[in-house]
């Protein structure tokens, strides 16, 4: 826990990560565009298990540098990504070509006080959110993989490309924390 003073904000990431659908990530090495969507549920569940180990480390609260999130903060982000993508997947399956509201992940980290959350609680919440989104993707069948949705910046996804794009985030952040 901190002394009540929020940690310094980490510089925001304004990069458009949709390029990972076209080529391997040079940082983490994953190649989301080549991932079979039927493998996404298992990848998410395996990722959540790895996060439990990361969040159990004694250094889970420690930032490697002032401008880089701690493993705990990354774990909070991944938990919230699981929740957000599950909600967006539901929109894609229930509505025709939904438009996703913008999500400011950096603002969320500050307002939700990621650095002050309890690692064990975050691990449990991340695992539950991972199971939920994994089950949601496991339930997609047939033509539903081609339904569309669009992000606030105009990027258009099918459920298929949405699944591939999504899975890169928790894989990449696990790499970020050496998990």
N, C-alpha and C. Protein backbone atom coordinates (compact mmCIF):
# COMPACT_ATOMS: atom_id res chain seq x y z
N UNK A 1 0.85 -1.17 0.00
CA UNK A 1 0.00 0.00 0.00
C UNK A 1 0.89 1.23 0.00
N UNK A 2 0.39 2.28 -0.54
CA UNK A 2 1.15 3.52 -0.57
C UNK A 2 0.81 4.36 0.64
N UNK A 3 1.47 5.51 0.73
CA UNK A 3 1.20 6.42 1.84
C UNK A 3 -0.01 7.30 1.56
N UNK A 4 -0.78 6.97 0.55
CA UNK A 4 -1.94 7.76 0.18
C UNK A 4 -1.69 8.71 -0.97
N UNK A 5 -0.41 8.93 -1.28
CA UNK A 5 -0.06 9.77 -2.41
C UNK A 5 -0.09 8.92 -3.67
N UNK A 6 -0.88 9.30 -4.65
CA UNK A 6 -0.92 8.50 -5.86
C UNK A 6 0.45 8.49 -6.54
N UNK A 7 0.84 7.37 -7.12
CA UNK A 7 2.11 7.33 -7.83
C UNK A 7 2.04 8.24 -9.05
N UNK A 8 3.20 8.63 -9.51
CA UNK A 8 3.25 9.46 -10.71
C UNK A 8 2.60 8.72 -11.87
N UNK A 9 1.93 9.48 -12.71
CA UNK A 9 1.29 8.88 -13.88
C UNK A 9 2.37 8.34 -14.83
N UNK A 10 2.10 7.20 -15.36
CA UNK A 10 2.98 6.62 -16.38
C UNK A 10 2.60 7.28 -17.69
N UNK A 11 3.58 7.64 -18.51
CA UNK A 11 3.23 8.25 -19.80
C UNK A 11 2.27 7.36 -20.58
N UNK A 12 1.24 7.97 -21.14
CA UNK A 12 0.22 7.22 -21.88
C UNK A 12 0.77 6.57 -23.14
N UNK A 13 0.09 5.53 -23.55
CA UNK A 13 0.44 4.82 -24.78
C UNK A 13 -0.59 5.20 -25.84
N UNK A 14 -0.16 5.97 -26.81
CA UNK A 14 -1.08 6.40 -27.86
C UNK A 14 -0.89 5.60 -29.15
N UNK A 15 -0.09 4.55 -29.08
CA UNK A 15 0.19 3.73 -30.25
C UNK A 15 -1.07 2.97 -30.69
N UNK A 16 -1.29 2.89 -31.97
CA UNK A 16 -2.38 2.08 -32.52
C UNK A 16 -1.86 0.66 -32.71
N UNK A 17 -2.23 -0.21 -31.81
CA UNK A 17 -1.70 -1.58 -31.78
C UNK A 17 -2.38 -2.51 -32.79
N UNK A 18 -3.28 -2.01 -33.64
CA UNK A 18 -3.95 -2.90 -34.59
C UNK A 18 -2.97 -3.52 -35.58
N UNK A 19 -1.78 -2.96 -35.72
CA UNK A 19 -0.77 -3.53 -36.62
C UNK A 19 -0.39 -4.96 -36.21
N UNK A 20 -0.67 -5.35 -34.96
CA UNK A 20 -0.30 -6.71 -34.54
C UNK A 20 -1.11 -7.77 -35.28
N UNK A 21 -2.17 -7.35 -35.95
CA UNK A 21 -2.94 -8.31 -36.76
C UNK A 21 -2.22 -8.65 -38.05
N UNK A 22 -1.24 -7.84 -38.42
CA UNK A 22 -0.53 -8.01 -39.69
C UNK A 22 0.88 -8.55 -39.55
N UNK A 23 1.48 -8.39 -38.36
CA UNK A 23 2.86 -8.86 -38.20
C UNK A 23 3.15 -9.16 -36.72
N UNK A 24 4.18 -9.95 -36.54
CA UNK A 24 4.61 -10.37 -35.20
C UNK A 24 5.04 -9.14 -34.39
N UNK A 25 4.72 -9.16 -33.11
CA UNK A 25 5.14 -8.08 -32.21
C UNK A 25 6.64 -8.22 -31.96
N UNK A 26 7.44 -7.21 -32.30
CA UNK A 26 8.88 -7.33 -32.11
C UNK A 26 9.31 -7.33 -30.65
N UNK A 27 8.43 -6.88 -29.77
CA UNK A 27 8.77 -6.85 -28.35
C UNK A 27 8.50 -8.19 -27.67
N UNK A 28 7.24 -8.62 -27.69
CA UNK A 28 6.88 -9.85 -26.96
C UNK A 28 6.99 -11.10 -27.81
N UNK A 29 7.06 -10.94 -29.14
CA UNK A 29 7.21 -12.08 -30.03
C UNK A 29 5.92 -12.76 -30.46
N UNK A 30 4.78 -12.35 -29.90
CA UNK A 30 3.54 -13.02 -30.30
C UNK A 30 3.11 -12.54 -31.68
N UNK A 31 2.37 -13.40 -32.35
CA UNK A 31 1.90 -13.13 -33.70
C UNK A 31 0.39 -13.32 -33.72
N UNK A 32 -0.35 -12.34 -33.18
CA UNK A 32 -1.80 -12.49 -33.02
C UNK A 32 -2.55 -12.80 -34.30
N UNK A 33 -2.12 -12.27 -35.42
CA UNK A 33 -2.83 -12.51 -36.67
C UNK A 33 -2.81 -13.96 -37.11
N UNK A 34 -1.87 -14.72 -36.57
CA UNK A 34 -1.80 -16.14 -36.94
C UNK A 34 -2.45 -17.06 -35.91
N UNK A 35 -2.97 -16.48 -34.83
CA UNK A 35 -3.59 -17.28 -33.78
C UNK A 35 -4.96 -17.78 -34.25
N UNK A 36 -5.19 -19.06 -34.07
CA UNK A 36 -6.51 -19.63 -34.35
C UNK A 36 -7.46 -19.15 -33.26
N UNK A 37 -8.58 -18.60 -33.66
CA UNK A 37 -9.50 -18.03 -32.67
C UNK A 37 -10.03 -19.08 -31.69
N UNK A 38 -10.06 -20.31 -32.12
CA UNK A 38 -10.52 -21.37 -31.21
C UNK A 38 -9.50 -21.62 -30.09
N UNK A 39 -8.27 -21.11 -30.25
CA UNK A 39 -7.25 -21.24 -29.21
C UNK A 39 -7.30 -20.10 -28.19
N UNK A 40 -8.06 -19.05 -28.48
CA UNK A 40 -8.09 -17.88 -27.60
C UNK A 40 -8.53 -18.24 -26.18
N UNK A 41 -9.60 -19.02 -25.97
CA UNK A 41 -9.99 -19.32 -24.59
C UNK A 41 -8.86 -19.97 -23.78
N UNK A 42 -8.16 -20.93 -24.35
CA UNK A 42 -7.06 -21.59 -23.63
C UNK A 42 -5.90 -20.62 -23.38
N UNK A 43 -5.61 -19.77 -24.35
CA UNK A 43 -4.55 -18.79 -24.17
C UNK A 43 -4.88 -17.83 -23.03
N UNK A 44 -6.14 -17.42 -22.94
CA UNK A 44 -6.57 -16.50 -21.89
C UNK A 44 -6.48 -17.19 -20.53
N UNK A 45 -6.93 -18.43 -20.45
CA UNK A 45 -6.88 -19.15 -19.16
C UNK A 45 -5.43 -19.39 -18.72
N UNK A 46 -4.57 -19.76 -19.67
CA UNK A 46 -3.15 -19.95 -19.33
C UNK A 46 -2.52 -18.64 -18.89
N UNK A 47 -2.89 -17.56 -19.55
CA UNK A 47 -2.37 -16.25 -19.20
C UNK A 47 -2.78 -15.87 -17.78
N UNK A 48 -4.03 -16.10 -17.44
CA UNK A 48 -4.51 -15.78 -16.09
C UNK A 48 -3.76 -16.57 -15.04
N UNK A 49 -3.46 -17.82 -15.31
CA UNK A 49 -2.69 -18.64 -14.36
C UNK A 49 -1.30 -18.05 -14.15
N UNK A 50 -0.69 -17.57 -15.22
CA UNK A 50 0.63 -16.95 -15.10
C UNK A 50 0.56 -15.64 -14.30
N UNK A 51 -0.52 -14.88 -14.50
CA UNK A 51 -0.69 -13.64 -13.74
C UNK A 51 -0.82 -13.91 -12.25
N UNK A 52 -1.45 -15.02 -11.88
CA UNK A 52 -1.57 -15.34 -10.45
C UNK A 52 -0.17 -15.47 -9.84
N UNK A 53 0.75 -16.11 -10.57
CA UNK A 53 2.13 -16.26 -10.08
C UNK A 53 2.83 -14.90 -10.01
N UNK A 54 2.63 -14.07 -11.02
CA UNK A 54 3.25 -12.74 -11.04
C UNK A 54 2.76 -11.91 -9.85
N UNK A 55 1.47 -11.93 -9.62
CA UNK A 55 0.90 -11.10 -8.55
C UNK A 55 1.22 -11.64 -7.16
N UNK A 56 1.72 -12.85 -7.08
CA UNK A 56 2.14 -13.44 -5.81
C UNK A 56 3.62 -13.13 -5.51
N UNK A 57 4.31 -12.54 -6.45
CA UNK A 57 5.73 -12.22 -6.24
C UNK A 57 5.87 -11.10 -5.19
N UNK A 58 6.95 -11.12 -4.43
CA UNK A 58 7.15 -10.07 -3.43
C UNK A 58 7.33 -8.67 -4.05
N UNK A 59 7.74 -8.62 -5.30
CA UNK A 59 7.97 -7.32 -5.95
C UNK A 59 6.76 -6.85 -6.77
N UNK A 60 5.60 -7.44 -6.56
CA UNK A 60 4.43 -7.13 -7.39
C UNK A 60 4.05 -5.66 -7.35
N UNK A 61 4.32 -4.98 -6.25
CA UNK A 61 3.97 -3.57 -6.13
C UNK A 61 5.06 -2.63 -6.63
N UNK A 62 6.23 -3.14 -6.90
CA UNK A 62 7.39 -2.30 -7.22
C UNK A 62 7.46 -1.97 -8.71
N UNK A 63 7.52 -0.69 -8.98
CA UNK A 63 7.74 -0.24 -10.35
C UNK A 63 9.23 -0.39 -10.69
N UNK A 64 9.53 -0.94 -11.87
CA UNK A 64 10.95 -1.05 -12.25
C UNK A 64 11.58 0.32 -12.49
N UNK A 65 10.75 1.25 -12.91
CA UNK A 65 11.15 2.66 -13.10
C UNK A 65 9.92 3.50 -12.80
N UNK A 66 10.12 4.76 -12.52
CA UNK A 66 8.99 5.64 -12.18
C UNK A 66 7.99 5.76 -13.32
N UNK A 67 8.46 5.57 -14.56
CA UNK A 67 7.59 5.76 -15.72
C UNK A 67 7.06 4.44 -16.29
N UNK A 68 7.15 3.36 -15.52
CA UNK A 68 6.67 2.04 -15.96
C UNK A 68 5.80 1.45 -14.85
N UNK A 69 4.64 0.93 -15.23
CA UNK A 69 3.75 0.31 -14.25
C UNK A 69 4.43 -0.86 -13.54
N UNK A 70 3.99 -1.09 -12.32
CA UNK A 70 4.41 -2.26 -11.55
C UNK A 70 3.65 -3.48 -12.08
N UNK A 71 4.10 -4.70 -11.72
CA UNK A 71 3.31 -5.88 -12.08
C UNK A 71 1.86 -5.79 -11.58
N UNK A 72 1.66 -5.23 -10.39
CA UNK A 72 0.30 -5.06 -9.87
C UNK A 72 -0.52 -4.16 -10.78
N UNK A 73 0.04 -3.03 -11.18
CA UNK A 73 -0.70 -2.11 -12.04
C UNK A 73 -1.01 -2.75 -13.39
N UNK A 74 -0.04 -3.48 -13.94
CA UNK A 74 -0.30 -4.20 -15.19
C UNK A 74 -1.38 -5.25 -14.98
N UNK A 75 -1.34 -5.94 -13.84
CA UNK A 75 -2.37 -6.95 -13.55
C UNK A 75 -3.76 -6.34 -13.48
N UNK A 76 -3.86 -5.16 -12.86
CA UNK A 76 -5.15 -4.45 -12.81
C UNK A 76 -5.61 -4.12 -14.23
N UNK A 77 -4.68 -3.65 -15.04
CA UNK A 77 -5.01 -3.30 -16.42
C UNK A 77 -5.51 -4.53 -17.18
N UNK A 78 -4.81 -5.64 -17.05
CA UNK A 78 -5.21 -6.86 -17.76
C UNK A 78 -6.58 -7.32 -17.28
N UNK A 79 -6.83 -7.28 -15.98
CA UNK A 79 -8.16 -7.61 -15.46
C UNK A 79 -9.23 -6.75 -16.13
N UNK A 80 -8.95 -5.45 -16.23
CA UNK A 80 -9.93 -4.54 -16.82
C UNK A 80 -10.06 -4.74 -18.33
N UNK A 81 -8.97 -5.13 -18.98
CA UNK A 81 -9.04 -5.46 -20.41
C UNK A 81 -9.93 -6.68 -20.61
N UNK A 82 -9.78 -7.70 -19.77
CA UNK A 82 -10.64 -8.88 -19.86
C UNK A 82 -12.11 -8.47 -19.74
N UNK A 83 -12.41 -7.62 -18.78
CA UNK A 83 -13.79 -7.18 -18.58
C UNK A 83 -14.29 -6.35 -19.76
N UNK A 84 -13.48 -5.42 -20.22
CA UNK A 84 -13.86 -4.54 -21.32
C UNK A 84 -14.10 -5.33 -22.60
N UNK A 85 -13.19 -6.23 -22.92
CA UNK A 85 -13.34 -6.99 -24.17
C UNK A 85 -14.51 -7.96 -24.09
N UNK A 86 -14.80 -8.46 -22.91
CA UNK A 86 -15.98 -9.31 -22.76
C UNK A 86 -17.25 -8.50 -23.05
N UNK A 87 -17.31 -7.29 -22.52
CA UNK A 87 -18.48 -6.43 -22.77
C UNK A 87 -18.56 -6.05 -24.24
N UNK A 88 -17.43 -5.74 -24.85
CA UNK A 88 -17.44 -5.38 -26.27
C UNK A 88 -17.79 -6.57 -27.15
N UNK A 89 -17.34 -7.76 -26.78
CA UNK A 89 -17.71 -8.96 -27.53
C UNK A 89 -19.22 -9.16 -27.47
N UNK A 90 -19.80 -8.98 -26.30
CA UNK A 90 -21.25 -9.12 -26.16
C UNK A 90 -21.97 -8.13 -27.07
N UNK A 91 -21.46 -6.90 -27.13
CA UNK A 91 -22.06 -5.90 -28.05
C UNK A 91 -21.99 -6.38 -29.49
N UNK A 92 -20.83 -6.91 -29.88
CA UNK A 92 -20.67 -7.36 -31.26
C UNK A 92 -21.61 -8.50 -31.61
N UNK A 93 -21.88 -9.35 -30.63
CA UNK A 93 -22.76 -10.49 -30.88
C UNK A 93 -24.23 -10.12 -30.80
N UNK A 94 -24.55 -9.05 -30.05
CA UNK A 94 -25.95 -8.66 -29.83
C UNK A 94 -26.44 -7.54 -30.73
N UNK A 95 -25.54 -6.69 -31.20
CA UNK A 95 -25.91 -5.53 -32.00
C UNK A 95 -25.23 -5.59 -33.36
N UNK A 96 -25.79 -4.88 -34.32
CA UNK A 96 -25.17 -4.79 -35.63
C UNK A 96 -24.15 -3.66 -35.64
N UNK A 97 -22.89 -4.03 -35.86
CA UNK A 97 -21.79 -3.08 -36.02
C UNK A 97 -21.76 -2.01 -34.92
N UNK A 98 -21.67 -2.42 -33.66
CA UNK A 98 -21.67 -1.43 -32.57
C UNK A 98 -20.42 -0.55 -32.61
N UNK A 99 -20.57 0.61 -32.03
CA UNK A 99 -19.48 1.57 -31.88
C UNK A 99 -19.06 1.53 -30.42
N UNK A 100 -17.78 1.25 -30.15
CA UNK A 100 -17.29 1.14 -28.78
C UNK A 100 -16.93 2.52 -28.25
N UNK A 101 -17.38 2.82 -27.06
CA UNK A 101 -16.99 4.07 -26.40
C UNK A 101 -15.49 4.04 -26.15
N UNK A 102 -14.89 5.21 -26.15
CA UNK A 102 -13.46 5.30 -25.87
C UNK A 102 -13.20 4.86 -24.43
N UNK A 103 -12.06 4.22 -24.22
CA UNK A 103 -11.63 3.84 -22.87
C UNK A 103 -10.24 4.39 -22.67
N UNK A 104 -10.10 5.26 -21.69
CA UNK A 104 -8.80 5.84 -21.37
C UNK A 104 -8.16 4.99 -20.28
N UNK A 105 -7.30 4.09 -20.70
CA UNK A 105 -6.68 3.15 -19.77
C UNK A 105 -5.79 3.85 -18.75
N UNK A 106 -5.18 4.94 -19.15
CA UNK A 106 -4.29 5.66 -18.23
C UNK A 106 -5.09 6.38 -17.16
N UNK A 107 -6.21 6.98 -17.55
CA UNK A 107 -7.09 7.64 -16.59
C UNK A 107 -7.68 6.60 -15.63
N UNK A 108 -8.05 5.44 -16.16
CA UNK A 108 -8.58 4.37 -15.32
C UNK A 108 -7.56 3.95 -14.27
N UNK A 109 -6.30 3.83 -14.66
CA UNK A 109 -5.25 3.43 -13.72
C UNK A 109 -5.15 4.40 -12.56
N UNK A 110 -5.33 5.68 -12.85
CA UNK A 110 -5.25 6.69 -11.79
C UNK A 110 -6.51 6.72 -10.93
N UNK A 111 -7.66 6.77 -11.58
CA UNK A 111 -8.90 6.90 -10.80
C UNK A 111 -9.21 5.64 -10.00
N UNK A 112 -8.84 4.49 -10.52
CA UNK A 112 -9.08 3.23 -9.81
C UNK A 112 -7.93 2.88 -8.86
N UNK A 113 -6.93 3.73 -8.82
CA UNK A 113 -5.78 3.57 -7.92
C UNK A 113 -5.18 2.16 -8.01
N UNK A 114 -4.81 1.81 -9.22
CA UNK A 114 -4.23 0.49 -9.46
C UNK A 114 -3.10 0.16 -8.47
N UNK A 115 -2.24 1.13 -8.19
CA UNK A 115 -1.08 0.88 -7.35
C UNK A 115 -1.45 0.54 -5.91
N UNK A 116 -2.65 0.89 -5.49
CA UNK A 116 -3.07 0.65 -4.11
C UNK A 116 -3.94 -0.58 -3.93
N UNK A 117 -4.20 -1.30 -5.00
CA UNK A 117 -5.05 -2.48 -4.89
C UNK A 117 -4.25 -3.65 -4.31
N UNK A 118 -4.97 -4.62 -3.80
CA UNK A 118 -4.34 -5.78 -3.17
C UNK A 118 -4.03 -6.84 -4.23
N UNK A 119 -2.76 -7.25 -4.34
CA UNK A 119 -2.39 -8.23 -5.37
C UNK A 119 -3.23 -9.51 -5.35
N UNK A 120 -3.51 -10.05 -4.17
CA UNK A 120 -4.29 -11.30 -4.11
C UNK A 120 -5.72 -11.09 -4.61
N UNK A 121 -6.29 -9.94 -4.30
CA UNK A 121 -7.64 -9.63 -4.76
C UNK A 121 -7.63 -9.45 -6.28
N UNK A 122 -6.64 -8.72 -6.77
CA UNK A 122 -6.53 -8.51 -8.22
C UNK A 122 -6.35 -9.85 -8.93
N UNK A 123 -5.53 -10.73 -8.37
CA UNK A 123 -5.32 -12.05 -8.99
C UNK A 123 -6.64 -12.81 -9.10
N UNK A 124 -7.44 -12.78 -8.04
CA UNK A 124 -8.74 -13.48 -8.07
C UNK A 124 -9.67 -12.83 -9.08
N UNK A 125 -9.73 -11.50 -9.09
CA UNK A 125 -10.60 -10.79 -10.03
C UNK A 125 -10.15 -11.01 -11.47
N UNK A 126 -8.84 -10.99 -11.70
CA UNK A 126 -8.30 -11.22 -13.04
C UNK A 126 -8.66 -12.63 -13.51
N UNK A 127 -8.51 -13.60 -12.64
CA UNK A 127 -8.84 -14.98 -12.99
C UNK A 127 -10.32 -15.13 -13.33
N UNK A 128 -11.18 -14.51 -12.55
CA UNK A 128 -12.62 -14.58 -12.81
C UNK A 128 -12.97 -13.89 -14.13
N UNK A 129 -12.37 -12.72 -14.37
CA UNK A 129 -12.63 -12.00 -15.62
C UNK A 129 -12.10 -12.79 -16.81
N UNK A 130 -10.95 -13.42 -16.65
CA UNK A 130 -10.37 -14.23 -17.72
C UNK A 130 -11.29 -15.41 -18.05
N UNK A 131 -11.80 -16.06 -17.03
CA UNK A 131 -12.70 -17.20 -17.26
C UNK A 131 -13.95 -16.75 -17.99
N UNK A 132 -14.46 -15.60 -17.60
CA UNK A 132 -15.69 -15.11 -18.24
C UNK A 132 -15.46 -14.80 -19.71
N UNK A 133 -14.39 -14.06 -20.03
CA UNK A 133 -14.15 -13.71 -21.43
C UNK A 133 -13.74 -14.94 -22.23
N UNK A 134 -13.02 -15.87 -21.61
CA UNK A 134 -12.66 -17.11 -22.32
C UNK A 134 -13.91 -17.90 -22.69
N UNK A 135 -14.85 -18.00 -21.74
CA UNK A 135 -16.11 -18.70 -22.01
C UNK A 135 -16.90 -17.97 -23.09
N UNK A 136 -16.87 -16.66 -23.07
CA UNK A 136 -17.60 -15.90 -24.10
C UNK A 136 -17.02 -16.18 -25.48
N UNK A 137 -15.70 -16.16 -25.61
CA UNK A 137 -15.10 -16.46 -26.91
C UNK A 137 -15.32 -17.92 -27.30
N UNK A 138 -15.32 -18.82 -26.33
CA UNK A 138 -15.56 -20.24 -26.61
C UNK A 138 -16.97 -20.47 -27.15
N UNK A 139 -17.89 -19.59 -26.81
CA UNK A 139 -19.27 -19.74 -27.26
C UNK A 139 -19.55 -19.20 -28.65
N UNK A 140 -18.58 -18.54 -29.26
CA UNK A 140 -18.79 -17.98 -30.60
C UNK A 140 -18.74 -19.12 -31.62
N UNK A 141 -19.69 -19.11 -32.55
CA UNK A 141 -19.76 -20.17 -33.56
C UNK A 141 -20.08 -19.60 -34.93
N UNK A 142 -19.66 -20.33 -35.95
CA UNK A 142 -20.05 -20.07 -37.34
C UNK A 142 -19.90 -18.64 -37.80
N UNK A 143 -20.98 -18.12 -38.38
CA UNK A 143 -20.97 -16.78 -38.99
C UNK A 143 -20.78 -15.67 -37.96
N UNK A 144 -20.97 -15.96 -36.68
CA UNK A 144 -20.79 -14.93 -35.65
C UNK A 144 -19.35 -14.41 -35.63
N UNK A 145 -18.40 -15.22 -36.08
CA UNK A 145 -17.00 -14.77 -36.13
C UNK A 145 -16.81 -13.60 -37.09
N UNK A 146 -17.73 -13.41 -38.00
CA UNK A 146 -17.59 -12.33 -38.99
C UNK A 146 -18.41 -11.09 -38.65
N UNK A 147 -19.12 -11.09 -37.53
CA UNK A 147 -19.85 -9.89 -37.10
C UNK A 147 -18.83 -8.78 -36.82
N UNK A 148 -19.26 -7.54 -36.96
CA UNK A 148 -18.32 -6.43 -36.84
C UNK A 148 -18.64 -5.50 -35.67
N UNK A 149 -17.63 -4.73 -35.33
CA UNK A 149 -17.74 -3.67 -34.33
C UNK A 149 -16.64 -2.68 -34.62
N UNK A 150 -16.81 -1.44 -34.14
CA UNK A 150 -15.79 -0.43 -34.42
C UNK A 150 -15.42 0.34 -33.17
N UNK A 151 -14.14 0.61 -33.11
CA UNK A 151 -13.59 1.37 -32.00
C UNK A 151 -13.82 2.85 -32.23
N UNK A 152 -13.69 3.66 -31.20
CA UNK A 152 -13.96 5.10 -31.30
C UNK A 152 -13.04 5.81 -32.27
N UNK A 153 -11.85 5.22 -32.55
CA UNK A 153 -10.94 5.84 -33.52
C UNK A 153 -11.21 5.38 -34.95
N UNK A 154 -12.28 4.58 -35.14
CA UNK A 154 -12.66 4.14 -36.48
C UNK A 154 -12.16 2.76 -36.86
N UNK A 155 -11.27 2.16 -36.08
CA UNK A 155 -10.78 0.81 -36.40
C UNK A 155 -11.96 -0.16 -36.39
N UNK A 156 -12.05 -0.98 -37.44
CA UNK A 156 -13.15 -1.93 -37.58
C UNK A 156 -12.60 -3.34 -37.36
N UNK A 157 -13.32 -4.11 -36.57
CA UNK A 157 -12.94 -5.49 -36.27
C UNK A 157 -14.09 -6.42 -36.63
N UNK A 158 -13.75 -7.64 -37.02
CA UNK A 158 -14.71 -8.74 -36.98
C UNK A 158 -14.50 -9.39 -35.62
N UNK A 159 -15.40 -10.24 -35.20
CA UNK A 159 -15.19 -10.95 -33.94
C UNK A 159 -13.87 -11.72 -34.02
N UNK A 160 -13.57 -12.27 -35.19
CA UNK A 160 -12.31 -13.02 -35.40
C UNK A 160 -11.10 -12.13 -35.15
N UNK A 161 -11.02 -10.97 -35.82
CA UNK A 161 -9.85 -10.11 -35.65
C UNK A 161 -9.86 -9.46 -34.26
N UNK A 162 -11.04 -9.25 -33.70
CA UNK A 162 -11.16 -8.72 -32.35
C UNK A 162 -10.53 -9.70 -31.35
N UNK A 163 -10.80 -10.99 -31.52
CA UNK A 163 -10.23 -12.01 -30.64
C UNK A 163 -8.71 -12.04 -30.75
N UNK A 164 -8.20 -11.96 -31.98
CA UNK A 164 -6.76 -11.99 -32.19
C UNK A 164 -6.10 -10.74 -31.61
N UNK A 165 -6.69 -9.59 -31.88
CA UNK A 165 -6.18 -8.32 -31.36
C UNK A 165 -6.20 -8.34 -29.83
N UNK A 166 -7.30 -8.76 -29.26
CA UNK A 166 -7.48 -8.83 -27.81
C UNK A 166 -6.40 -9.66 -27.13
N UNK A 167 -6.14 -10.85 -27.65
CA UNK A 167 -5.27 -11.79 -26.93
C UNK A 167 -3.83 -11.27 -26.85
N UNK A 168 -3.46 -10.39 -27.77
CA UNK A 168 -2.11 -9.84 -27.70
C UNK A 168 -1.89 -9.04 -26.42
N UNK A 169 -2.90 -8.29 -25.97
CA UNK A 169 -2.73 -7.41 -24.82
C UNK A 169 -2.28 -8.16 -23.56
N UNK A 170 -2.99 -9.19 -23.10
CA UNK A 170 -2.53 -9.88 -21.89
C UNK A 170 -1.21 -10.63 -22.10
N UNK A 171 -1.00 -11.14 -23.31
CA UNK A 171 0.28 -11.82 -23.60
C UNK A 171 1.42 -10.82 -23.53
N UNK A 172 1.23 -9.67 -24.14
CA UNK A 172 2.27 -8.64 -24.17
C UNK A 172 2.57 -8.13 -22.76
N UNK A 173 1.53 -7.89 -21.98
CA UNK A 173 1.76 -7.35 -20.64
C UNK A 173 2.39 -8.38 -19.70
N UNK A 174 2.13 -9.64 -19.92
CA UNK A 174 2.81 -10.68 -19.15
C UNK A 174 4.30 -10.64 -19.48
N UNK A 175 4.61 -10.43 -20.75
CA UNK A 175 6.01 -10.27 -21.17
C UNK A 175 6.60 -9.02 -20.51
N UNK A 176 5.84 -7.94 -20.46
CA UNK A 176 6.29 -6.68 -19.85
C UNK A 176 6.80 -6.90 -18.42
N UNK A 177 6.13 -7.78 -17.68
CA UNK A 177 6.48 -7.99 -16.26
C UNK A 177 7.37 -9.22 -16.04
N UNK A 178 7.84 -9.82 -17.12
CA UNK A 178 8.72 -10.96 -16.99
C UNK A 178 8.03 -12.22 -16.52
N UNK A 179 6.73 -12.32 -16.84
CA UNK A 179 5.95 -13.48 -16.42
C UNK A 179 6.12 -14.61 -17.36
